[in-house]
Protein backbone atom coordinates (compact mmCIF):
# COMPACT_ATOMS: atom_id res chain seq x y z
CA MET A 1 -54.98 32.85 -38.37
CA PHE A 2 -57.02 31.35 -35.59
CA LYS A 3 -59.37 28.30 -36.31
CA MET A 4 -61.96 26.82 -33.96
CA THR A 5 -61.94 23.01 -34.27
CA PRO A 6 -64.60 20.83 -32.74
CA ALA A 7 -63.25 17.80 -30.86
CA LEU A 8 -64.47 15.13 -28.45
CA HIS A 9 -62.74 14.92 -25.08
CA ARG A 10 -62.70 11.70 -23.27
CA GLY A 11 -61.74 12.11 -19.68
CA GLY A 12 -62.52 10.91 -16.07
CA MET A 13 -65.86 12.49 -16.20
CA GLY A 14 -67.04 10.86 -19.56
CA GLU A 15 -67.23 12.37 -23.03
CA ARG A 16 -67.90 15.90 -23.75
CA ARG A 17 -67.65 18.17 -26.78
CA VAL A 18 -65.15 20.93 -26.64
CA SER A 19 -63.70 23.42 -29.17
CA LEU A 20 -59.90 23.83 -29.77
CA LEU A 21 -58.51 27.24 -30.60
CA THR A 22 -55.54 26.65 -32.91
CA SER A 23 -53.31 29.19 -34.64
CA GLU A 24 -50.89 29.31 -37.48
CA CYS A 25 -47.85 31.59 -37.18
CA THR A 26 -45.39 32.21 -40.01
CA THR A 27 -42.67 34.78 -40.57
CA ALA A 28 -42.80 37.62 -43.18
CA GLY A 29 -42.11 36.33 -46.63
CA HIS A 30 -43.04 32.81 -45.89
CA PRO A 31 -44.65 31.00 -48.76
CA ASP A 32 -47.87 30.42 -46.73
CA LYS A 33 -48.47 34.14 -46.51
CA PHE A 34 -48.14 34.54 -50.23
CA ALA A 35 -50.51 31.56 -50.73
CA ASP A 36 -53.10 33.06 -48.44
CA GLN A 37 -52.99 36.32 -50.39
CA ILE A 38 -53.78 34.63 -53.61
CA THR A 39 -56.57 32.44 -52.02
CA ASP A 40 -58.10 35.54 -50.42
CA ALA A 41 -58.15 37.69 -53.65
CA ALA A 42 -59.81 34.72 -55.64
CA VAL A 43 -62.47 34.25 -53.04
CA ASP A 44 -63.04 38.04 -52.71
CA ASP A 45 -63.46 38.25 -56.38
CA MET A 46 -65.85 35.46 -56.57
CA LEU A 47 -68.00 36.89 -53.69
CA ARG A 48 -68.20 40.19 -55.40
CA GLN A 49 -69.83 38.44 -58.36
CA ASP A 50 -71.98 36.01 -56.14
CA ALA A 51 -72.47 36.65 -52.48
CA HIS A 52 -73.62 33.09 -52.14
CA GLY A 53 -71.00 31.45 -53.91
CA ARG A 54 -68.77 28.76 -52.60
CA ALA A 55 -65.14 27.97 -53.05
CA GLY A 56 -62.71 25.18 -52.36
CA ILE A 57 -59.09 26.34 -53.14
CA GLU A 58 -55.67 25.08 -52.57
CA VAL A 59 -52.45 27.14 -53.35
CA LEU A 60 -49.13 25.48 -53.27
CA VAL A 61 -46.00 27.77 -53.41
CA THR A 62 -42.39 26.86 -53.84
CA SER A 63 -39.49 29.12 -54.62
CA THR A 64 -39.96 28.71 -58.49
CA MET A 65 -43.66 27.69 -58.87
CA VAL A 66 -47.22 28.52 -57.78
CA VAL A 67 -49.98 25.99 -58.26
CA VAL A 68 -53.59 27.14 -57.68
CA SER A 69 -56.27 24.28 -57.73
CA GLY A 70 -59.82 23.93 -56.69
CA GLU A 71 -63.43 24.79 -57.63
CA PHE A 72 -66.03 27.64 -57.38
CA HIS A 73 -69.62 27.09 -57.18
CA THR A 74 -71.74 30.22 -58.31
CA ASN A 75 -75.05 30.97 -59.86
CA PRO A 76 -74.92 32.67 -63.18
CA CYS A 77 -76.50 36.04 -63.54
């Protein structure tokens, strides 16, 4: 997963805005990969029902428990 993060760089030539490219790397079977699949499925399902919907979801995974929390904002049909 790649993420562009805006940042403010302060250097010898003054301040300037830059974007930092960051990535996350995990091995197969890592809990983060499972959490990402749950989040993706929930968001995909919501967007199928409302293309303009918004979601804020957190998924926590341990060896014995999965916690899904967050919110969906959609317009009723």
